[in-house]
Amino acid sequence: NPDLLSSLNGINKEDYIYPNQEIMVPKKNYAYYITADGDTLKTVSNAFNTSIDRLISENKSIYLLPGQLIVLKK
């Protein structure tokens, strides 16, 4: 999905991808959430329908900066 790839990598769909450039590609059985201004751990945990403790355990650091990627294994 081009929209998901561009969102996960912080690029526009029209941007070029160059040789040796590393990009994130979504894996099966993982859910992704890109944070927005005003998000809290509670709103993100509700989006995943999980606990805050699980979010923290599956993500090394969570600062809730706009555009931050949070991943959760389904």
N, C-alpha and C. Protein backbone atom coordinates (compact mmCIF):
# COMPACT_ATOMS: atom_id res chain seq x y z
N ASN A 1 0.85 -1.17 0.00
CA ASN A 1 0.00 0.00 0.00
C ASN A 1 0.90 1.24 0.00
N PRO A 2 0.91 2.01 -1.08
CA PRO A 2 1.77 3.19 -1.16
C PRO A 2 1.52 4.23 -0.05
N ASP A 3 0.26 4.40 0.36
CA ASP A 3 -0.04 5.37 1.42
C ASP A 3 0.61 4.95 2.73
N LEU A 4 0.50 3.66 3.08
CA LEU A 4 1.10 3.16 4.31
C LEU A 4 2.62 3.25 4.25
N LEU A 5 3.21 2.85 3.15
CA LEU A 5 4.68 2.93 3.01
C LEU A 5 5.19 4.36 3.17
N SER A 6 4.51 5.30 2.54
CA SER A 6 4.96 6.69 2.65
C SER A 6 4.78 7.21 4.07
N SER A 7 3.67 6.87 4.73
CA SER A 7 3.44 7.31 6.11
C SER A 7 4.46 6.72 7.07
N LEU A 8 4.73 5.42 6.93
CA LEU A 8 5.68 4.76 7.82
C LEU A 8 7.08 5.33 7.69
N ASN A 9 7.41 5.82 6.51
CA ASN A 9 8.77 6.28 6.25
C ASN A 9 8.91 7.79 6.22
N GLY A 10 7.83 8.52 6.47
CA GLY A 10 7.90 9.97 6.51
C GLY A 10 8.27 10.59 5.18
N ILE A 11 7.80 9.98 4.11
CA ILE A 11 8.07 10.51 2.77
C ILE A 11 6.76 10.71 2.03
N ASN A 12 6.79 11.47 0.95
CA ASN A 12 5.63 11.64 0.09
C ASN A 12 5.60 10.52 -0.94
N LYS A 13 4.41 10.18 -1.40
CA LYS A 13 4.30 9.12 -2.40
C LYS A 13 5.06 9.45 -3.68
N GLU A 14 5.26 10.72 -3.96
CA GLU A 14 5.94 11.15 -5.17
C GLU A 14 7.46 11.16 -5.02
N ASP A 15 7.97 10.97 -3.78
CA ASP A 15 9.41 11.00 -3.54
C ASP A 15 10.10 9.79 -4.17
N TYR A 16 11.34 9.99 -4.55
CA TYR A 16 12.15 8.90 -5.07
C TYR A 16 12.71 8.07 -3.92
N ILE A 17 12.90 6.79 -4.17
CA ILE A 17 13.62 5.92 -3.25
C ILE A 17 14.92 5.56 -3.97
N TYR A 18 16.04 5.75 -3.29
CA TYR A 18 17.35 5.60 -3.91
C TYR A 18 18.00 4.27 -3.52
N PRO A 19 18.92 3.77 -4.34
CA PRO A 19 19.66 2.54 -3.98
C PRO A 19 20.31 2.69 -2.61
N ASN A 20 20.26 1.64 -1.84
CA ASN A 20 20.83 1.56 -0.48
C ASN A 20 20.08 2.39 0.56
N GLN A 21 19.00 3.03 0.16
CA GLN A 21 18.17 3.75 1.13
C GLN A 21 17.35 2.72 1.90
N GLU A 22 17.33 2.84 3.20
CA GLU A 22 16.55 1.91 4.03
C GLU A 22 15.17 2.48 4.27
N ILE A 23 14.16 1.64 4.06
CA ILE A 23 12.78 2.01 4.35
C ILE A 23 12.14 0.92 5.19
N MET A 24 11.12 1.29 5.93
CA MET A 24 10.38 0.31 6.71
C MET A 24 9.26 -0.26 5.84
N VAL A 25 9.14 -1.59 5.89
CA VAL A 25 8.08 -2.28 5.16
C VAL A 25 7.26 -3.03 6.20
N PRO A 26 5.93 -2.84 6.20
CA PRO A 26 5.10 -3.48 7.21
C PRO A 26 5.16 -5.00 7.14
N LYS A 27 5.20 -5.63 8.31
CA LYS A 27 5.18 -7.08 8.39
C LYS A 27 3.77 -7.56 8.67
N LYS A 28 3.51 -8.76 8.27
CA LYS A 28 2.22 -9.39 8.58
C LYS A 28 2.09 -9.56 10.09
N ASN A 29 0.89 -9.50 10.58
CA ASN A 29 0.57 -9.70 11.99
C ASN A 29 1.08 -8.60 12.92
N TYR A 30 1.36 -7.43 12.35
CA TYR A 30 1.72 -6.27 13.16
C TYR A 30 0.75 -5.15 12.86
N ALA A 31 0.44 -4.38 13.88
CA ALA A 31 -0.41 -3.20 13.69
C ALA A 31 0.47 -1.97 13.88
N TYR A 32 0.15 -0.91 13.14
CA TYR A 32 0.95 0.32 13.17
C TYR A 32 0.06 1.50 13.49
N TYR A 33 0.61 2.44 14.22
CA TYR A 33 -0.11 3.66 14.55
C TYR A 33 0.88 4.80 14.45
N ILE A 34 0.53 5.83 13.71
CA ILE A 34 1.38 7.01 13.61
C ILE A 34 0.74 8.09 14.46
N THR A 35 1.47 8.53 15.47
CA THR A 35 0.90 9.45 16.45
C THR A 35 0.62 10.82 15.85
N ALA A 36 -0.34 11.47 16.46
CA ALA A 36 -0.73 12.82 16.05
C ALA A 36 -0.63 13.74 17.26
N ASP A 37 -0.62 15.03 17.02
CA ASP A 37 -0.57 16.01 18.08
C ASP A 37 -1.76 15.78 19.03
N GLY A 38 -1.48 15.72 20.31
CA GLY A 38 -2.53 15.53 21.31
C GLY A 38 -2.77 14.09 21.71
N ASP A 39 -2.11 13.13 21.06
CA ASP A 39 -2.27 11.73 21.45
C ASP A 39 -1.71 11.51 22.85
N THR A 40 -2.31 10.56 23.56
CA THR A 40 -1.82 10.13 24.86
C THR A 40 -1.65 8.62 24.79
N LEU A 41 -0.97 8.05 25.77
CA LEU A 41 -0.86 6.59 25.81
C LEU A 41 -2.25 5.95 25.86
N LYS A 42 -3.17 6.60 26.52
CA LYS A 42 -4.54 6.08 26.62
C LYS A 42 -5.22 6.05 25.25
N THR A 43 -5.10 7.13 24.48
CA THR A 43 -5.75 7.14 23.16
C THR A 43 -5.11 6.12 22.23
N VAL A 44 -3.78 5.96 22.32
CA VAL A 44 -3.11 4.98 21.47
C VAL A 44 -3.48 3.56 21.91
N SER A 45 -3.51 3.30 23.20
CA SER A 45 -3.89 1.96 23.67
C SER A 45 -5.33 1.64 23.29
N ASN A 46 -6.20 2.63 23.31
CA ASN A 46 -7.58 2.41 22.87
C ASN A 46 -7.64 2.10 21.37
N ALA A 47 -6.80 2.75 20.57
CA ALA A 47 -6.77 2.49 19.13
C ALA A 47 -6.36 1.05 18.85
N PHE A 48 -5.45 0.52 19.67
CA PHE A 48 -5.00 -0.86 19.52
C PHE A 48 -5.87 -1.84 20.29
N ASN A 49 -6.76 -1.33 21.13
CA ASN A 49 -7.58 -2.16 21.99
C ASN A 49 -6.70 -3.05 22.87
N THR A 50 -5.74 -2.41 23.53
CA THR A 50 -4.79 -3.12 24.39
C THR A 50 -4.45 -2.26 25.60
N SER A 51 -3.58 -2.77 26.46
CA SER A 51 -3.20 -2.02 27.66
C SER A 51 -1.99 -1.12 27.39
N ILE A 52 -1.87 -0.10 28.21
CA ILE A 52 -0.72 0.79 28.14
C ILE A 52 0.56 0.00 28.43
N ASP A 53 0.51 -0.91 29.38
CA ASP A 53 1.69 -1.72 29.72
C ASP A 53 2.17 -2.53 28.52
N ARG A 54 1.26 -3.09 27.76
CA ARG A 54 1.66 -3.87 26.58
C ARG A 54 2.29 -2.97 25.52
N LEU A 55 1.71 -1.80 25.31
CA LEU A 55 2.30 -0.85 24.36
C LEU A 55 3.75 -0.54 24.73
N ILE A 56 3.96 -0.26 25.99
CA ILE A 56 5.30 0.10 26.46
C ILE A 56 6.25 -1.09 26.32
N SER A 57 5.79 -2.29 26.64
CA SER A 57 6.68 -3.45 26.57
C SER A 57 7.07 -3.79 25.14
N GLU A 58 6.24 -3.47 24.15
CA GLU A 58 6.55 -3.80 22.76
C GLU A 58 7.20 -2.66 21.99
N ASN A 59 7.38 -1.51 22.62
CA ASN A 59 8.05 -0.37 22.01
C ASN A 59 9.14 0.11 22.95
N LYS A 60 10.38 0.18 22.46
CA LYS A 60 11.51 0.53 23.32
C LYS A 60 11.37 1.90 23.96
N SER A 61 10.86 2.85 23.20
CA SER A 61 10.66 4.19 23.76
C SER A 61 9.43 4.82 23.13
N ILE A 62 8.65 5.47 23.94
CA ILE A 62 7.46 6.17 23.46
C ILE A 62 7.51 7.58 24.02
N TYR A 63 7.64 8.55 23.12
CA TYR A 63 7.66 9.95 23.52
C TYR A 63 6.39 10.68 23.08
N LEU A 64 5.58 10.04 22.24
CA LEU A 64 4.35 10.60 21.69
C LEU A 64 4.59 11.92 20.98
N LEU A 65 5.59 11.91 20.11
CA LEU A 65 5.84 13.05 19.25
C LEU A 65 4.97 12.91 18.01
N PRO A 66 4.46 13.98 17.45
CA PRO A 66 3.68 13.86 16.22
C PRO A 66 4.48 13.13 15.14
N GLY A 67 3.86 12.14 14.54
CA GLY A 67 4.50 11.37 13.48
C GLY A 67 5.29 10.17 13.97
N GLN A 68 5.33 9.95 15.28
CA GLN A 68 6.05 8.80 15.82
C GLN A 68 5.30 7.52 15.48
N LEU A 69 6.03 6.48 15.15
CA LEU A 69 5.44 5.19 14.82
C LEU A 69 5.41 4.31 16.05
N ILE A 70 4.26 3.72 16.34
CA ILE A 70 4.11 2.76 17.42
C ILE A 70 3.65 1.45 16.80
N VAL A 71 4.30 0.35 17.19
CA VAL A 71 4.04 -0.95 16.59
C VAL A 71 3.55 -1.90 17.67
N LEU A 72 2.62 -2.79 17.31
CA LEU A 72 2.12 -3.79 18.23
C LEU A 72 1.90 -5.08 17.47
N LYS A 73 2.48 -6.17 17.98
CA LYS A 73 2.25 -7.47 17.36
C LYS A 73 0.85 -7.94 17.70
N LYS A 74 0.12 -8.38 16.68
CA LYS A 74 -1.27 -8.81 16.88
C LYS A 74 -1.34 -10.15 17.56
